[in-house]
Amino acid sequence: MKYHNEQMNKLVKNTPALQKELKSIMKQMSLERHLALKALYHSEVADGGPYQTDYQDLNK
């Protein structure tokens, strides 16, 4: 599975829990949004993460 910025933005926009987690990552690690999105992708989506199927469904 490959990271796509637009797809990840849609997933975060549609998922309040991911919005909260993204803000937390940005604040705790002092990351810009695009880097925090990638970190969120690797922790919550990639490799069987809890939001993997939601992410894949956005590509259909």
N, C-alpha and C. Protein backbone atom coordinates (compact mmCIF):
# COMPACT_ATOMS: atom_id res chain seq x y z
N MET A 1 0.84 -1.17 0.00
CA MET A 1 0.00 0.00 0.00
C MET A 1 0.90 1.24 0.00
N LYS A 2 0.50 2.24 -0.77
CA LYS A 2 1.31 3.43 -0.94
C LYS A 2 0.63 4.64 -0.32
N TYR A 3 1.43 5.55 0.22
CA TYR A 3 0.92 6.78 0.82
C TYR A 3 0.53 7.77 -0.27
N HIS A 4 -0.69 8.32 -0.15
CA HIS A 4 -1.16 9.38 -1.04
C HIS A 4 -1.69 10.51 -0.17
N ASN A 5 -1.11 11.68 -0.34
CA ASN A 5 -1.44 12.83 0.49
C ASN A 5 -2.93 13.19 0.41
N GLU A 6 -3.50 13.25 -0.79
CA GLU A 6 -4.92 13.60 -0.96
C GLU A 6 -5.82 12.60 -0.25
N GLN A 7 -5.51 11.34 -0.40
CA GLN A 7 -6.30 10.28 0.21
C GLN A 7 -6.23 10.36 1.73
N MET A 8 -5.06 10.62 2.24
CA MET A 8 -4.88 10.73 3.70
C MET A 8 -5.61 11.95 4.24
N ASN A 9 -5.58 13.07 3.50
CA ASN A 9 -6.31 14.26 3.92
C ASN A 9 -7.81 13.99 3.99
N LYS A 10 -8.35 13.27 3.01
CA LYS A 10 -9.78 12.92 3.01
C LYS A 10 -10.13 12.05 4.21
N LEU A 11 -9.28 11.07 4.48
CA LEU A 11 -9.53 10.17 5.61
C LEU A 11 -9.55 10.94 6.92
N VAL A 12 -8.60 11.84 7.11
CA VAL A 12 -8.54 12.63 8.34
C VAL A 12 -9.76 13.55 8.43
N LYS A 13 -10.12 14.15 7.31
CA LYS A 13 -11.28 15.06 7.28
C LYS A 13 -12.57 14.34 7.68
N ASN A 14 -12.69 13.07 7.29
CA ASN A 14 -13.90 12.29 7.55
C ASN A 14 -13.88 11.53 8.88
N THR A 15 -12.77 11.59 9.62
CA THR A 15 -12.62 10.81 10.84
C THR A 15 -12.19 11.70 12.01
N PRO A 16 -13.12 12.07 12.87
CA PRO A 16 -12.79 12.95 14.00
C PRO A 16 -11.66 12.43 14.89
N ALA A 17 -11.59 11.14 15.10
CA ALA A 17 -10.52 10.58 15.95
C ALA A 17 -9.15 10.83 15.33
N LEU A 18 -9.07 10.73 14.00
CA LEU A 18 -7.79 10.98 13.33
C LEU A 18 -7.45 12.47 13.33
N GLN A 19 -8.46 13.32 13.27
CA GLN A 19 -8.22 14.76 13.36
C GLN A 19 -7.57 15.10 14.69
N LYS A 20 -8.11 14.52 15.76
CA LYS A 20 -7.57 14.75 17.10
C LYS A 20 -6.15 14.23 17.21
N GLU A 21 -5.92 13.04 16.67
CA GLU A 21 -4.59 12.42 16.72
C GLU A 21 -3.58 13.24 15.91
N LEU A 22 -4.00 13.76 14.77
CA LEU A 22 -3.12 14.58 13.93
C LEU A 22 -2.69 15.84 14.69
N LYS A 23 -3.64 16.50 15.31
CA LYS A 23 -3.32 17.70 16.09
C LYS A 23 -2.37 17.38 17.24
N SER A 24 -2.58 16.24 17.86
CA SER A 24 -1.72 15.82 18.96
C SER A 24 -0.29 15.57 18.47
N ILE A 25 -0.15 14.89 17.34
CA ILE A 25 1.18 14.62 16.78
C ILE A 25 1.87 15.92 16.42
N MET A 26 1.14 16.83 15.80
CA MET A 26 1.72 18.11 15.40
C MET A 26 2.23 18.89 16.62
N LYS A 27 1.44 18.86 17.70
CA LYS A 27 1.81 19.61 18.90
C LYS A 27 2.97 18.94 19.65
N GLN A 28 2.85 17.64 19.88
CA GLN A 28 3.85 16.92 20.67
C GLN A 28 5.22 16.87 20.00
N MET A 29 5.22 16.70 18.69
CA MET A 29 6.48 16.52 17.97
C MET A 29 6.92 17.77 17.21
N SER A 30 6.13 18.82 17.30
CA SER A 30 6.42 20.08 16.60
C SER A 30 6.65 19.84 15.11
N LEU A 31 5.73 19.09 14.50
CA LEU A 31 5.83 18.77 13.08
C LEU A 31 4.87 19.62 12.27
N GLU A 32 5.25 19.88 11.02
CA GLU A 32 4.34 20.52 10.09
C GLU A 32 3.28 19.49 9.71
N ARG A 33 2.16 19.99 9.19
CA ARG A 33 1.02 19.12 8.89
C ARG A 33 1.38 17.97 7.96
N HIS A 34 2.10 18.24 6.88
CA HIS A 34 2.39 17.17 5.92
C HIS A 34 3.25 16.06 6.53
N LEU A 35 4.15 16.42 7.42
CA LEU A 35 4.97 15.40 8.07
C LEU A 35 4.16 14.64 9.13
N ALA A 36 3.29 15.35 9.83
CA ALA A 36 2.43 14.71 10.82
C ALA A 36 1.45 13.75 10.14
N LEU A 37 0.98 14.11 8.94
CA LEU A 37 0.09 13.21 8.19
C LEU A 37 0.81 11.90 7.85
N LYS A 38 2.06 12.00 7.44
CA LYS A 38 2.82 10.79 7.12
C LYS A 38 3.03 9.93 8.37
N ALA A 39 3.32 10.58 9.48
CA ALA A 39 3.49 9.83 10.73
C ALA A 39 2.19 9.14 11.12
N LEU A 40 1.08 9.86 10.97
CA LEU A 40 -0.24 9.29 11.28
C LEU A 40 -0.55 8.12 10.36
N TYR A 41 -0.21 8.25 9.10
CA TYR A 41 -0.41 7.17 8.14
C TYR A 41 0.32 5.90 8.58
N HIS A 42 1.58 6.06 8.96
CA HIS A 42 2.37 4.89 9.34
C HIS A 42 1.92 4.29 10.67
N SER A 43 1.34 5.10 11.55
CA SER A 43 0.93 4.56 12.85
C SER A 43 -0.49 4.01 12.85
N GLU A 44 -1.38 4.57 12.04
CA GLU A 44 -2.79 4.19 12.11
C GLU A 44 -3.36 3.53 10.85
N VAL A 45 -2.65 3.61 9.73
CA VAL A 45 -3.21 3.11 8.47
C VAL A 45 -2.38 1.97 7.89
N ALA A 46 -1.11 2.18 7.69
CA ALA A 46 -0.26 1.20 7.00
C ALA A 46 -0.11 -0.10 7.80
N ASP A 47 0.18 -1.15 7.08
CA ASP A 47 0.49 -2.46 7.66
C ASP A 47 -0.57 -2.98 8.62
N GLY A 48 -1.83 -2.95 8.18
CA GLY A 48 -2.91 -3.53 8.96
C GLY A 48 -3.41 -2.66 10.09
N GLY A 49 -3.17 -1.37 10.00
CA GLY A 49 -3.65 -0.45 11.03
C GLY A 49 -5.17 -0.39 11.06
N PRO A 50 -5.73 0.17 12.12
CA PRO A 50 -7.18 0.18 12.28
C PRO A 50 -7.94 0.94 11.19
N TYR A 51 -7.29 1.84 10.48
CA TYR A 51 -7.97 2.62 9.45
C TYR A 51 -7.55 2.22 8.03
N GLN A 52 -6.89 1.09 7.90
CA GLN A 52 -6.40 0.66 6.60
C GLN A 52 -7.52 0.46 5.59
N THR A 53 -8.58 -0.22 5.97
CA THR A 53 -9.66 -0.46 5.01
C THR A 53 -10.38 0.84 4.65
N ASP A 54 -10.54 1.76 5.59
CA ASP A 54 -11.15 3.04 5.27
C ASP A 54 -10.30 3.81 4.26
N TYR A 55 -9.00 3.76 4.43
CA TYR A 55 -8.06 4.42 3.54
C TYR A 55 -8.15 3.79 2.14
N GLN A 56 -8.18 2.49 2.08
CA GLN A 56 -8.25 1.79 0.79
C GLN A 56 -9.57 2.06 0.09
N ASP A 57 -10.65 2.17 0.84
CA ASP A 57 -11.96 2.44 0.26
C ASP A 57 -12.02 3.81 -0.41
N LEU A 58 -11.22 4.76 0.04
CA LEU A 58 -11.19 6.08 -0.57
C LEU A 58 -10.58 6.06 -1.97
N ASN A 59 -9.83 5.03 -2.25
CA ASN A 59 -9.16 4.91 -3.56
C ASN A 59 -10.07 4.29 -4.61
N LYS A 60 -11.22 3.80 -4.22
CA LYS A 60 -12.12 3.12 -5.16
C LYS A 60 -13.02 4.10 -5.86
